[in-house]
Amino acid sequence: MENKILHIFVKGKYWALALLRHKLYEYREVKPFWTKRLINKNYAEIYYHFGYTKNILRFKYDGFKVTHVVHKEFGNKAVKVYTISLKHFIGDLKEWN
């Protein structure tokens, strides 16, 4: 069985926070796009991309929880999100094609 990878593309400021271990969770708004990628999927790892560069951090995938957050990226209003853990850092990926 192939180890599936969840690819998440983020802005540089969030990638840097994850690199320094100051960002422990990634939030994605509950919408069909993310529902299709998360519900009933079994990933082994997360590839956390700095935009569309080759800078990638690897994390162990531990599933997700549905929560509510208030954040400027979501218009400073409470929204329902998928909360994905970035607590289990594996390393960075030097070469990815």
Foldseek 3Di string as FASTA:
>chain_A
DDAAEAEAEDEPVVVVCLVVVNDFKDKDFPDPVVCVVAPPDDHQWYWYHHHPDQKTWIFGWDGWDWDWDQDVVVVRDIGIITITGRNGTDGIDDDDD
